[in-house]
């Protein structure tokens, strides 16, 4: 019984020191909890590198909010809730990105009578073409297609209306297609 109280006290001292920015205490907390937090993230995400990223981000979030930790629960329980929430957010983001990719692919097929023109180009070609878009179009394109924000969120971020976000995304897609087609034709002429 005395050992349990002593261990709880050690963790409390570590948490209190870590909350004050003590890097040794933060390192020790990381050493004590990282494996369990990685396992929690991995069970949910089924991807080692994504689980590692989520675990690292969770520790960063926890250390930044540590001064608000009030010992109503154990540090491990509190940290595990952060890991679970970040894992759920990651799963939602991945699902949203996948849905957006499927929507985008479907839109391209519709525009070209069933032909998926985006399959003709590499990711690097698409990224290079996207870098040529007008700044506001590129920002909306990136926020919607890559980051997974919806038009209402983009409107808030960019201080524009949701309908402006929709029209800029539409223009971005149209311009991206033109840029890719022009570059593809130029490379075919040179070949």
N, C-alpha and C. Protein backbone atom coordinates (compact mmCIF):
# COMPACT_ATOMS: atom_id res chain seq x y z
N UNK A 1 0.82 -1.19 0.00
CA UNK A 1 0.00 0.00 0.00
C UNK A 1 0.86 1.25 0.00
N UNK A 2 1.95 1.21 0.74
CA UNK A 2 2.84 2.35 0.82
C UNK A 2 3.49 2.61 -0.54
N UNK A 3 3.79 1.55 -1.29
CA UNK A 3 4.40 1.67 -2.61
C UNK A 3 3.45 2.39 -3.57
N UNK A 4 2.15 2.04 -3.55
CA UNK A 4 1.17 2.68 -4.43
C UNK A 4 1.09 4.17 -4.17
N UNK A 5 1.02 4.57 -2.94
CA UNK A 5 0.94 5.99 -2.60
C UNK A 5 2.21 6.70 -3.07
N UNK A 6 3.35 6.04 -2.92
CA UNK A 6 4.62 6.62 -3.34
C UNK A 6 4.64 6.81 -4.86
N UNK A 7 4.17 5.80 -5.62
CA UNK A 7 4.15 5.91 -7.07
C UNK A 7 3.20 7.01 -7.53
N UNK A 8 2.06 7.12 -6.90
CA UNK A 8 1.11 8.18 -7.25
C UNK A 8 1.74 9.54 -6.99
N UNK A 9 2.43 9.65 -5.89
CA UNK A 9 3.09 10.90 -5.53
C UNK A 9 4.17 11.26 -6.55
N UNK A 10 4.94 10.25 -7.01
CA UNK A 10 5.99 10.48 -8.00
C UNK A 10 5.37 11.01 -9.29
N UNK A 11 4.30 10.39 -9.73
CA UNK A 11 3.65 10.84 -10.96
C UNK A 11 3.08 12.24 -10.78
N UNK A 12 2.54 12.53 -9.63
CA UNK A 12 2.00 13.86 -9.41
C UNK A 12 3.12 14.89 -9.46
N UNK A 13 4.24 14.56 -8.84
CA UNK A 13 5.38 15.48 -8.89
C UNK A 13 5.88 15.66 -10.32
N UNK A 14 5.93 14.56 -11.07
CA UNK A 14 6.36 14.65 -12.47
C UNK A 14 5.42 15.55 -13.28
N UNK A 15 4.13 15.35 -13.09
CA UNK A 15 3.14 16.14 -13.81
C UNK A 15 3.27 17.61 -13.43
N UNK A 16 3.42 17.88 -12.15
CA UNK A 16 3.55 19.27 -11.70
C UNK A 16 4.81 19.92 -12.27
N UNK A 17 5.93 19.17 -12.28
CA UNK A 17 7.17 19.70 -12.86
C UNK A 17 7.03 19.91 -14.37
N UNK A 18 6.42 18.93 -15.02
CA UNK A 18 6.22 19.03 -16.47
C UNK A 18 5.34 20.22 -16.82
N UNK A 19 4.34 20.48 -15.98
CA UNK A 19 3.44 21.62 -16.20
C UNK A 19 4.19 22.94 -16.14
N UNK A 20 5.28 22.96 -15.39
CA UNK A 20 6.10 24.18 -15.26
C UNK A 20 7.17 24.25 -16.36
N UNK A 21 7.13 23.29 -17.29
CA UNK A 21 8.07 23.32 -18.41
C UNK A 21 9.34 22.54 -18.20
N UNK A 22 9.41 21.73 -17.15
CA UNK A 22 10.61 20.93 -16.87
C UNK A 22 10.72 19.84 -17.94
N UNK A 23 11.72 19.96 -18.81
CA UNK A 23 11.85 19.02 -19.92
C UNK A 23 12.21 17.61 -19.46
N UNK A 24 12.93 17.49 -18.36
CA UNK A 24 13.25 16.15 -17.84
C UNK A 24 11.99 15.45 -17.37
N UNK A 25 11.11 16.18 -16.71
CA UNK A 25 9.85 15.59 -16.25
C UNK A 25 8.98 15.22 -17.45
N UNK A 26 8.97 16.05 -18.48
CA UNK A 26 8.19 15.74 -19.68
C UNK A 26 8.75 14.49 -20.36
N UNK A 27 10.08 14.40 -20.42
CA UNK A 27 10.71 13.23 -21.02
C UNK A 27 10.37 11.96 -20.24
N UNK A 28 10.37 12.06 -18.93
CA UNK A 28 10.04 10.90 -18.10
C UNK A 28 8.58 10.50 -18.28
N UNK A 29 7.68 11.46 -18.34
CA UNK A 29 6.26 11.14 -18.59
C UNK A 29 6.11 10.48 -19.95
N UNK A 30 6.83 10.98 -20.92
CA UNK A 30 6.79 10.39 -22.26
C UNK A 30 7.28 8.95 -22.20
N UNK A 31 8.38 8.73 -21.50
CA UNK A 31 8.93 7.37 -21.37
C UNK A 31 7.94 6.43 -20.70
N UNK A 32 7.26 6.93 -19.67
CA UNK A 32 6.32 6.10 -18.92
C UNK A 32 5.05 5.77 -19.70
N UNK A 33 4.59 6.67 -20.55
CA UNK A 33 3.26 6.52 -21.15
C UNK A 33 3.26 6.34 -22.67
N UNK A 34 4.36 6.56 -23.34
CA UNK A 34 4.32 6.56 -24.81
C UNK A 34 3.92 5.22 -25.41
N UNK A 35 4.42 4.13 -24.88
CA UNK A 35 4.08 2.82 -25.45
C UNK A 35 2.58 2.54 -25.34
N UNK A 36 2.01 2.79 -24.19
CA UNK A 36 0.57 2.55 -24.00
C UNK A 36 -0.26 3.47 -24.90
N UNK A 37 0.18 4.71 -25.06
CA UNK A 37 -0.57 5.66 -25.89
C UNK A 37 -0.44 5.29 -27.37
N UNK A 38 0.74 4.83 -27.77
CA UNK A 38 0.90 4.36 -29.15
C UNK A 38 -0.03 3.17 -29.41
N UNK A 39 -0.06 2.23 -28.48
CA UNK A 39 -0.92 1.05 -28.64
C UNK A 39 -2.39 1.45 -28.77
N UNK A 40 -2.81 2.42 -27.98
CA UNK A 40 -4.20 2.89 -28.06
C UNK A 40 -4.47 3.47 -29.45
N UNK A 41 -3.58 4.33 -29.91
CA UNK A 41 -3.76 4.94 -31.24
C UNK A 41 -3.71 3.88 -32.33
N UNK A 42 -2.79 2.94 -32.22
CA UNK A 42 -2.66 1.91 -33.25
C UNK A 42 -3.91 1.04 -33.33
N UNK A 43 -4.46 0.67 -32.19
CA UNK A 43 -5.68 -0.15 -32.18
C UNK A 43 -6.80 0.55 -32.94
N UNK A 44 -6.86 1.86 -32.85
CA UNK A 44 -7.92 2.59 -33.51
C UNK A 44 -7.61 2.86 -34.99
N UNK A 45 -6.36 3.16 -35.30
CA UNK A 45 -6.01 3.62 -36.64
C UNK A 45 -5.47 2.53 -37.56
N UNK A 46 -4.93 1.47 -36.98
CA UNK A 46 -4.38 0.35 -37.75
C UNK A 46 -3.31 0.78 -38.76
N UNK A 47 -2.56 1.82 -38.41
CA UNK A 47 -1.49 2.29 -39.27
C UNK A 47 -0.35 2.76 -38.36
N UNK A 48 0.81 2.11 -38.43
CA UNK A 48 1.89 2.43 -37.50
C UNK A 48 2.36 3.89 -37.55
N UNK A 49 2.56 4.43 -38.74
CA UNK A 49 3.08 5.80 -38.81
C UNK A 49 2.03 6.82 -38.38
N UNK A 50 0.77 6.58 -38.73
CA UNK A 50 -0.29 7.49 -38.30
C UNK A 50 -0.48 7.41 -36.79
N UNK A 51 -0.40 6.21 -36.25
CA UNK A 51 -0.51 6.05 -34.79
C UNK A 51 0.63 6.77 -34.09
N UNK A 52 1.82 6.68 -34.64
CA UNK A 52 2.99 7.38 -34.07
C UNK A 52 2.75 8.89 -34.10
N UNK A 53 2.27 9.40 -35.23
CA UNK A 53 2.00 10.83 -35.36
C UNK A 53 0.95 11.29 -34.34
N UNK A 54 -0.14 10.54 -34.24
CA UNK A 54 -1.21 10.89 -33.31
C UNK A 54 -0.69 10.86 -31.88
N UNK A 55 0.11 9.86 -31.55
CA UNK A 55 0.66 9.76 -30.20
C UNK A 55 1.55 10.97 -29.90
N UNK A 56 2.42 11.33 -30.84
CA UNK A 56 3.30 12.49 -30.65
C UNK A 56 2.48 13.78 -30.48
N UNK A 57 1.49 13.97 -31.36
CA UNK A 57 0.63 15.16 -31.28
C UNK A 57 -0.13 15.21 -29.96
N UNK A 58 -0.53 14.06 -29.47
CA UNK A 58 -1.26 13.99 -28.21
C UNK A 58 -0.38 14.44 -27.04
N UNK A 59 0.87 14.01 -27.05
CA UNK A 59 1.79 14.45 -26.00
C UNK A 59 2.01 15.96 -26.07
N UNK A 60 2.17 16.47 -27.28
CA UNK A 60 2.35 17.92 -27.43
C UNK A 60 1.14 18.66 -26.88
N UNK A 61 -0.05 18.20 -27.26
CA UNK A 61 -1.28 18.83 -26.77
C UNK A 61 -1.36 18.73 -25.25
N UNK A 62 -1.04 17.57 -24.72
CA UNK A 62 -1.12 17.37 -23.27
C UNK A 62 -0.13 18.29 -22.54
N UNK A 63 1.10 18.36 -23.02
CA UNK A 63 2.08 19.21 -22.36
C UNK A 63 1.71 20.68 -22.44
N UNK A 64 1.07 21.08 -23.54
CA UNK A 64 0.63 22.47 -23.66
C UNK A 64 -0.53 22.80 -22.72
N UNK A 65 -1.34 21.79 -22.40
CA UNK A 65 -2.51 22.01 -21.54
C UNK A 65 -2.30 21.51 -20.12
N UNK A 66 -1.10 21.09 -19.80
CA UNK A 66 -0.83 20.43 -18.53
C UNK A 66 -1.12 21.30 -17.31
N UNK A 67 -0.95 22.59 -17.42
CA UNK A 67 -1.22 23.46 -16.27
C UNK A 67 -2.70 23.46 -15.89
N UNK A 68 -3.55 23.04 -16.83
CA UNK A 68 -4.99 22.95 -16.52
C UNK A 68 -5.39 21.57 -15.98
N UNK A 69 -4.46 20.62 -16.00
CA UNK A 69 -4.76 19.28 -15.47
C UNK A 69 -4.93 19.40 -13.96
N UNK A 70 -6.07 18.91 -13.44
CA UNK A 70 -6.40 19.14 -12.03
C UNK A 70 -6.40 17.89 -11.16
N UNK A 71 -5.87 16.78 -11.65
CA UNK A 71 -5.75 15.55 -10.89
C UNK A 71 -7.09 14.96 -10.47
N UNK A 72 -8.18 15.27 -11.21
CA UNK A 72 -9.46 14.59 -10.98
C UNK A 72 -9.36 13.14 -11.40
N UNK A 73 -8.46 12.86 -12.32
CA UNK A 73 -8.19 11.50 -12.78
C UNK A 73 -6.68 11.33 -12.82
N UNK A 74 -6.24 10.16 -13.22
CA UNK A 74 -4.80 9.96 -13.35
C UNK A 74 -4.32 10.65 -14.63
N UNK A 75 -3.06 10.97 -14.67
CA UNK A 75 -2.48 11.57 -15.87
C UNK A 75 -2.66 10.63 -17.06
N UNK A 76 -2.46 9.33 -16.84
CA UNK A 76 -2.59 8.33 -17.91
C UNK A 76 -3.99 8.31 -18.51
N UNK A 77 -4.99 8.38 -17.66
CA UNK A 77 -6.38 8.38 -18.14
C UNK A 77 -6.66 9.65 -18.95
N UNK A 78 -6.21 10.78 -18.44
CA UNK A 78 -6.40 12.06 -19.12
C UNK A 78 -5.70 12.05 -20.49
N UNK A 79 -4.46 11.57 -20.53
CA UNK A 79 -3.70 11.50 -21.77
C UNK A 79 -4.36 10.53 -22.75
N UNK A 80 -4.87 9.42 -22.25
CA UNK A 80 -5.53 8.44 -23.12
C UNK A 80 -6.77 9.05 -23.78
N UNK A 81 -7.51 9.88 -23.07
CA UNK A 81 -8.67 10.55 -23.66
C UNK A 81 -8.23 11.46 -24.80
N UNK A 82 -7.10 12.14 -24.63
CA UNK A 82 -6.57 12.99 -25.70
C UNK A 82 -6.21 12.14 -26.92
N UNK A 83 -5.54 11.02 -26.68
CA UNK A 83 -5.14 10.12 -27.78
C UNK A 83 -6.38 9.60 -28.51
N UNK A 84 -7.38 9.19 -27.77
CA UNK A 84 -8.60 8.67 -28.38
C UNK A 84 -9.29 9.76 -29.21
N UNK A 85 -9.40 10.96 -28.67
CA UNK A 85 -10.03 12.04 -29.41
C UNK A 85 -9.26 12.39 -30.67
N UNK A 86 -7.95 12.46 -30.59
CA UNK A 86 -7.13 12.76 -31.77
C UNK A 86 -7.23 11.64 -32.79
N UNK A 87 -7.30 10.39 -32.33
CA UNK A 87 -7.44 9.25 -33.24
C UNK A 87 -8.79 9.33 -33.96
N UNK A 88 -9.84 9.64 -33.22
CA UNK A 88 -11.17 9.78 -33.84
C UNK A 88 -11.17 10.91 -34.86
N UNK A 89 -10.54 12.02 -34.53
CA UNK A 89 -10.44 13.13 -35.48
C UNK A 89 -9.68 12.72 -36.73
N UNK A 90 -8.62 11.96 -36.56
CA UNK A 90 -7.84 11.47 -37.69
C UNK A 90 -8.70 10.56 -38.57
N UNK A 91 -9.45 9.67 -37.96
CA UNK A 91 -10.32 8.78 -38.73
C UNK A 91 -11.37 9.58 -39.50
N UNK A 92 -11.94 10.60 -38.85
CA UNK A 92 -12.93 11.45 -39.54
C UNK A 92 -12.29 12.17 -40.71
N UNK A 93 -11.09 12.70 -40.50
CA UNK A 93 -10.38 13.43 -41.55
C UNK A 93 -10.07 12.50 -42.72
N UNK A 94 -9.61 11.29 -42.44
CA UNK A 94 -9.30 10.32 -43.50
C UNK A 94 -10.56 9.95 -44.27
N UNK A 95 -11.66 9.76 -43.55
CA UNK A 95 -12.92 9.42 -44.21
C UNK A 95 -13.38 10.57 -45.09
N UNK A 96 -13.26 11.79 -44.59
CA UNK A 96 -13.67 12.97 -45.34
C UNK A 96 -12.80 13.14 -46.58
N UNK A 97 -11.50 12.96 -46.45
CA UNK A 97 -10.60 13.08 -47.59
C UNK A 97 -10.94 12.02 -48.63
N UNK A 98 -11.18 10.80 -48.19
CA UNK A 98 -11.53 9.72 -49.12
C UNK A 98 -12.83 10.06 -49.84
N UNK A 99 -13.82 10.56 -49.11
CA UNK A 99 -15.09 10.93 -49.73
C UNK A 99 -14.88 12.05 -50.74
N UNK A 100 -14.05 13.03 -50.39
CA UNK A 100 -13.79 14.15 -51.30
C UNK A 100 -13.05 13.67 -52.54
N UNK A 101 -12.10 12.74 -52.37
CA UNK A 101 -11.39 12.19 -53.53
C UNK A 101 -12.36 11.45 -54.43
N UNK A 102 -13.27 10.69 -53.83
CA UNK A 102 -14.26 9.97 -54.63
C UNK A 102 -15.19 10.95 -55.34
N UNK A 103 -15.61 12.00 -54.64
CA UNK A 103 -16.46 13.03 -55.27
C UNK A 103 -15.72 13.69 -56.41
N UNK A 104 -14.46 14.02 -56.19
CA UNK A 104 -13.67 14.72 -57.20
C UNK A 104 -13.48 13.83 -58.42
N UNK A 105 -13.18 12.58 -58.20
CA UNK A 105 -13.00 11.64 -59.30
C UNK A 105 -14.30 11.51 -60.09
N UNK A 106 -15.42 11.43 -59.39
CA UNK A 106 -16.72 11.31 -60.04
C UNK A 106 -17.01 12.55 -60.87
N UNK A 107 -16.70 13.74 -60.32
CA UNK A 107 -16.92 14.99 -61.06
C UNK A 107 -16.10 15.00 -62.33
N UNK A 108 -14.87 14.53 -62.27
CA UNK A 108 -14.02 14.51 -63.45
C UNK A 108 -14.57 13.55 -64.49
N UNK A 109 -15.06 12.40 -64.05
CA UNK A 109 -15.65 11.44 -64.98
C UNK A 109 -16.87 12.04 -65.65
N UNK A 110 -17.70 12.76 -64.89
CA UNK A 110 -18.89 13.39 -65.44
C UNK A 110 -18.51 14.42 -66.50
N UNK A 111 -17.49 15.23 -66.22
CA UNK A 111 -17.10 16.30 -67.14
C UNK A 111 -16.53 15.74 -68.44
N UNK A 112 -15.96 14.56 -68.42
CA UNK A 112 -15.30 14.01 -69.60
C UNK A 112 -16.00 12.76 -70.12
N UNK A 113 -17.29 12.68 -69.91
CA UNK A 113 -18.05 11.55 -70.44
C UNK A 113 -17.56 10.22 -69.95
N UNK A 114 -17.23 10.14 -68.69
CA UNK A 114 -16.81 8.87 -68.11
C UNK A 114 -15.31 8.69 -68.04
N UNK A 115 -14.53 9.55 -68.71
CA UNK A 115 -13.08 9.42 -68.68
C UNK A 115 -12.52 10.11 -67.44
N UNK A 116 -11.74 9.41 -66.65
CA UNK A 116 -11.13 10.00 -65.45
C UNK A 116 -9.80 10.60 -65.84
N UNK A 117 -9.82 11.88 -66.25
CA UNK A 117 -8.60 12.55 -66.73
C UNK A 117 -7.53 12.64 -65.67
N UNK A 118 -7.93 12.70 -64.36
CA UNK A 118 -6.93 12.87 -63.32
C UNK A 118 -6.03 11.64 -63.19
N UNK A 119 -6.48 10.48 -63.68
CA UNK A 119 -5.66 9.27 -63.62
C UNK A 119 -4.48 9.36 -64.60
N UNK A 120 -4.54 10.28 -65.56
CA UNK A 120 -3.46 10.43 -66.53
C UNK A 120 -2.24 11.13 -65.95
N UNK A 121 -2.42 11.82 -64.83
CA UNK A 121 -1.37 12.67 -64.30
C UNK A 121 -0.89 12.14 -62.95
N UNK A 122 0.40 12.35 -62.72
CA UNK A 122 0.97 11.93 -61.43
C UNK A 122 0.59 12.93 -60.35
N UNK A 123 0.77 12.53 -59.11
CA UNK A 123 0.53 13.43 -57.97
C UNK A 123 1.43 14.66 -58.09
N UNK A 124 2.67 14.43 -58.50
CA UNK A 124 3.61 15.55 -58.66
C UNK A 124 3.12 16.53 -59.72
N UNK A 125 2.56 16.00 -60.84
CA UNK A 125 2.01 16.87 -61.88
C UNK A 125 0.87 17.71 -61.33
N UNK A 126 0.00 17.07 -60.56
CA UNK A 126 -1.16 17.77 -60.00
C UNK A 126 -0.71 18.83 -58.99
N UNK A 127 0.27 18.49 -58.14
CA UNK A 127 0.78 19.47 -57.18
C UNK A 127 1.42 20.66 -57.88
N UNK A 128 2.21 20.38 -58.91
CA UNK A 128 2.86 21.46 -59.66
C UNK A 128 1.82 22.35 -60.33
N UNK A 129 0.79 21.74 -60.88
CA UNK A 129 -0.28 22.52 -61.51
C UNK A 129 -1.03 23.34 -60.47
N UNK A 130 -1.29 22.75 -59.32
CA UNK A 130 -2.02 23.47 -58.25
C UNK A 130 -1.22 24.69 -57.78
N UNK A 131 0.09 24.59 -57.81
CA UNK A 131 0.93 25.73 -57.42
C UNK A 131 0.82 26.90 -58.39
N UNK A 132 0.29 26.65 -59.58
CA UNK A 132 0.11 27.70 -60.57
C UNK A 132 -1.26 28.39 -60.47
N UNK A 133 -2.12 27.87 -59.63
CA UNK A 133 -3.44 28.48 -59.47
C UNK A 133 -3.32 29.84 -58.80
N UNK A 134 -4.32 30.69 -59.03
CA UNK A 134 -4.37 31.97 -58.32
C UNK A 134 -4.38 31.68 -56.82
N UNK A 135 -3.80 32.57 -56.05
CA UNK A 135 -3.60 32.34 -54.61
C UNK A 135 -4.90 31.96 -53.90
N UNK A 136 -5.97 32.72 -54.12
CA UNK A 136 -7.23 32.41 -53.42
C UNK A 136 -7.82 31.09 -53.89
N UNK A 137 -7.68 30.77 -55.17
CA UNK A 137 -8.19 29.49 -55.68
C UNK A 137 -7.39 28.33 -55.08
N UNK A 138 -6.07 28.50 -55.04
CA UNK A 138 -5.23 27.44 -54.48
C UNK A 138 -5.55 27.21 -53.00
N UNK A 139 -5.77 28.30 -52.27
CA UNK A 139 -6.07 28.16 -50.85
C UNK A 139 -7.38 27.41 -50.63
N UNK A 140 -8.42 27.76 -51.38
CA UNK A 140 -9.70 27.07 -51.26
C UNK A 140 -9.54 25.61 -51.69
N UNK A 141 -8.83 25.38 -52.80
CA UNK A 141 -8.60 24.02 -53.29
C UNK A 141 -7.90 23.17 -52.23
N UNK A 142 -6.83 23.71 -51.65
CA UNK A 142 -6.08 22.98 -50.63
C UNK A 142 -6.93 22.72 -49.38
N UNK A 143 -7.64 23.74 -48.92
CA UNK A 143 -8.45 23.58 -47.72
C UNK A 143 -9.55 22.54 -47.93
N UNK A 144 -10.16 22.55 -49.09
CA UNK A 144 -11.27 21.64 -49.35
C UNK A 144 -10.80 20.23 -49.72
N UNK A 145 -9.90 20.15 -50.70
CA UNK A 145 -9.51 18.84 -51.24
C UNK A 145 -8.47 18.12 -50.38
N UNK A 146 -7.59 18.87 -49.75
CA UNK A 146 -6.50 18.23 -49.01
C UNK A 146 -6.76 18.23 -47.51
N UNK A 147 -7.15 19.37 -46.97
CA UNK A 147 -7.34 19.48 -45.52
C UNK A 147 -8.70 18.97 -45.06
N UNK A 148 -9.67 18.89 -45.98
CA UNK A 148 -10.96 18.31 -45.63
C UNK A 148 -11.96 19.27 -45.01
N UNK A 149 -11.74 20.57 -45.14
CA UNK A 149 -12.70 21.53 -44.60
C UNK A 149 -13.91 21.62 -45.52
N UNK A 150 -15.07 21.92 -44.96
CA UNK A 150 -16.24 22.16 -45.80
C UNK A 150 -16.30 23.65 -46.14
N UNK A 151 -17.24 24.02 -46.99
CA UNK A 151 -17.29 25.40 -47.48
C UNK A 151 -17.60 26.41 -46.38
N UNK A 152 -18.40 26.02 -45.40
CA UNK A 152 -18.70 26.93 -44.30
C UNK A 152 -17.44 27.21 -43.47
N UNK A 153 -16.64 26.17 -43.24
CA UNK A 153 -15.40 26.33 -42.48
C UNK A 153 -14.39 27.18 -43.28
N UNK A 154 -14.32 26.93 -44.57
CA UNK A 154 -13.41 27.72 -45.42
C UNK A 154 -13.83 29.18 -45.40
N UNK A 155 -15.14 29.40 -45.48
CA UNK A 155 -15.66 30.78 -45.46
C UNK A 155 -15.21 31.50 -44.20
N UNK A 156 -15.29 30.80 -43.08
CA UNK A 156 -14.89 31.39 -41.81
C UNK A 156 -13.38 31.65 -41.77
N UNK A 157 -12.60 30.69 -42.24
CA UNK A 157 -11.14 30.82 -42.23
C UNK A 157 -10.69 31.97 -43.12
N UNK A 158 -11.28 32.07 -44.31
CA UNK A 158 -10.82 33.05 -45.29
C UNK A 158 -11.62 34.34 -45.27
N UNK A 159 -12.61 34.39 -44.40
CA UNK A 159 -13.45 35.58 -44.29
C UNK A 159 -14.15 35.91 -45.62
N UNK A 160 -14.75 34.85 -46.21
CA UNK A 160 -15.53 34.98 -47.43
C UNK A 160 -16.85 34.25 -47.21
N UNK A 161 -17.75 34.32 -48.16
CA UNK A 161 -19.01 33.58 -48.02
C UNK A 161 -18.81 32.14 -48.48
N UNK A 162 -19.69 31.26 -48.04
CA UNK A 162 -19.62 29.86 -48.45
C UNK A 162 -19.83 29.73 -49.96
N UNK A 163 -20.69 30.56 -50.53
CA UNK A 163 -20.92 30.49 -51.98
C UNK A 163 -19.66 30.94 -52.74
N UNK A 164 -18.93 31.91 -52.21
CA UNK A 164 -17.66 32.32 -52.82
C UNK A 164 -16.67 31.17 -52.76
N UNK A 165 -16.64 30.46 -51.65
CA UNK A 165 -15.76 29.30 -51.52
C UNK A 165 -16.11 28.26 -52.57
N UNK A 166 -17.39 28.00 -52.76
CA UNK A 166 -17.83 27.01 -53.76
C UNK A 166 -17.41 27.43 -55.17
N UNK A 167 -17.64 28.70 -55.50
CA UNK A 167 -17.31 29.15 -56.85
C UNK A 167 -15.79 29.16 -57.07
N UNK A 168 -15.02 29.53 -56.04
CA UNK A 168 -13.56 29.51 -56.19
C UNK A 168 -13.04 28.09 -56.33
N UNK A 169 -13.66 27.13 -55.65
CA UNK A 169 -13.25 25.74 -55.80
C UNK A 169 -13.56 25.26 -57.22
N UNK A 170 -14.72 25.62 -57.71
CA UNK A 170 -15.09 25.23 -59.07
C UNK A 170 -14.11 25.81 -60.08
N UNK A 171 -13.77 27.09 -59.93
CA UNK A 171 -12.79 27.72 -60.83
C UNK A 171 -11.42 27.07 -60.69
N UNK A 172 -11.05 26.76 -59.45
CA UNK A 172 -9.74 26.11 -59.21
C UNK A 172 -9.67 24.77 -59.94
N UNK A 173 -10.73 23.98 -59.85
CA UNK A 173 -10.74 22.68 -60.53
C UNK A 173 -10.66 22.86 -62.04
N UNK A 174 -11.44 23.80 -62.56
CA UNK A 174 -11.44 24.06 -64.01
C UNK A 174 -10.04 24.53 -64.46
N UNK A 175 -9.44 25.46 -63.72
CA UNK A 175 -8.11 25.95 -64.07
C UNK A 175 -7.05 24.87 -63.93
N UNK A 176 -7.17 24.05 -62.90
CA UNK A 176 -6.23 22.96 -62.70
C UNK A 176 -6.27 22.01 -63.90
N UNK A 177 -7.45 21.69 -64.35
CA UNK A 177 -7.61 20.81 -65.51
C UNK A 177 -6.95 21.43 -66.73
N UNK A 178 -7.18 22.73 -66.96
CA UNK A 178 -6.58 23.41 -68.11
C UNK A 178 -5.06 23.42 -68.03
N UNK A 179 -4.54 23.69 -66.85
CA UNK A 179 -3.08 23.71 -66.67
C UNK A 179 -2.50 22.33 -66.98
N UNK A 180 -3.13 21.29 -66.45
CA UNK A 180 -2.64 19.93 -66.68
C UNK A 180 -2.71 19.55 -68.15
N UNK A 181 -3.81 19.88 -68.80
CA UNK A 181 -3.96 19.54 -70.22
C UNK A 181 -2.92 20.29 -71.04
N UNK A 182 -2.72 21.58 -70.77
CA UNK A 182 -1.71 22.36 -71.50
C UNK A 182 -0.31 21.81 -71.29
N UNK A 183 0.02 21.46 -70.05
CA UNK A 183 1.35 20.91 -69.78
C UNK A 183 1.51 19.55 -70.46
N UNK A 184 0.46 18.75 -70.44
CA UNK A 184 0.51 17.42 -71.05
C UNK A 184 0.70 17.55 -72.55
N UNK A 185 -0.03 18.50 -73.17
CA UNK A 185 0.12 18.69 -74.62
C UNK A 185 1.52 19.17 -74.96
N UNK A 186 2.08 20.09 -74.15
CA UNK A 186 3.44 20.58 -74.40
C UNK A 186 4.46 19.46 -74.29
N UNK A 187 4.29 18.58 -73.30
CA UNK A 187 5.25 17.48 -73.15
C UNK A 187 5.11 16.47 -74.28
N UNK A 188 3.89 16.30 -74.84
CA UNK A 188 3.70 15.40 -75.96
C UNK A 188 4.30 15.98 -77.25
N UNK A 189 4.25 17.31 -77.42
CA UNK A 189 4.82 17.96 -78.58
C UNK A 189 6.33 17.79 -78.57
N UNK A 190 6.94 17.90 -77.37
CA UNK A 190 8.39 17.77 -77.24
C UNK A 190 8.86 16.34 -77.45
N UNK A 191 7.99 15.37 -77.15
CA UNK A 191 8.41 13.96 -77.22
C UNK A 191 8.60 13.48 -78.64
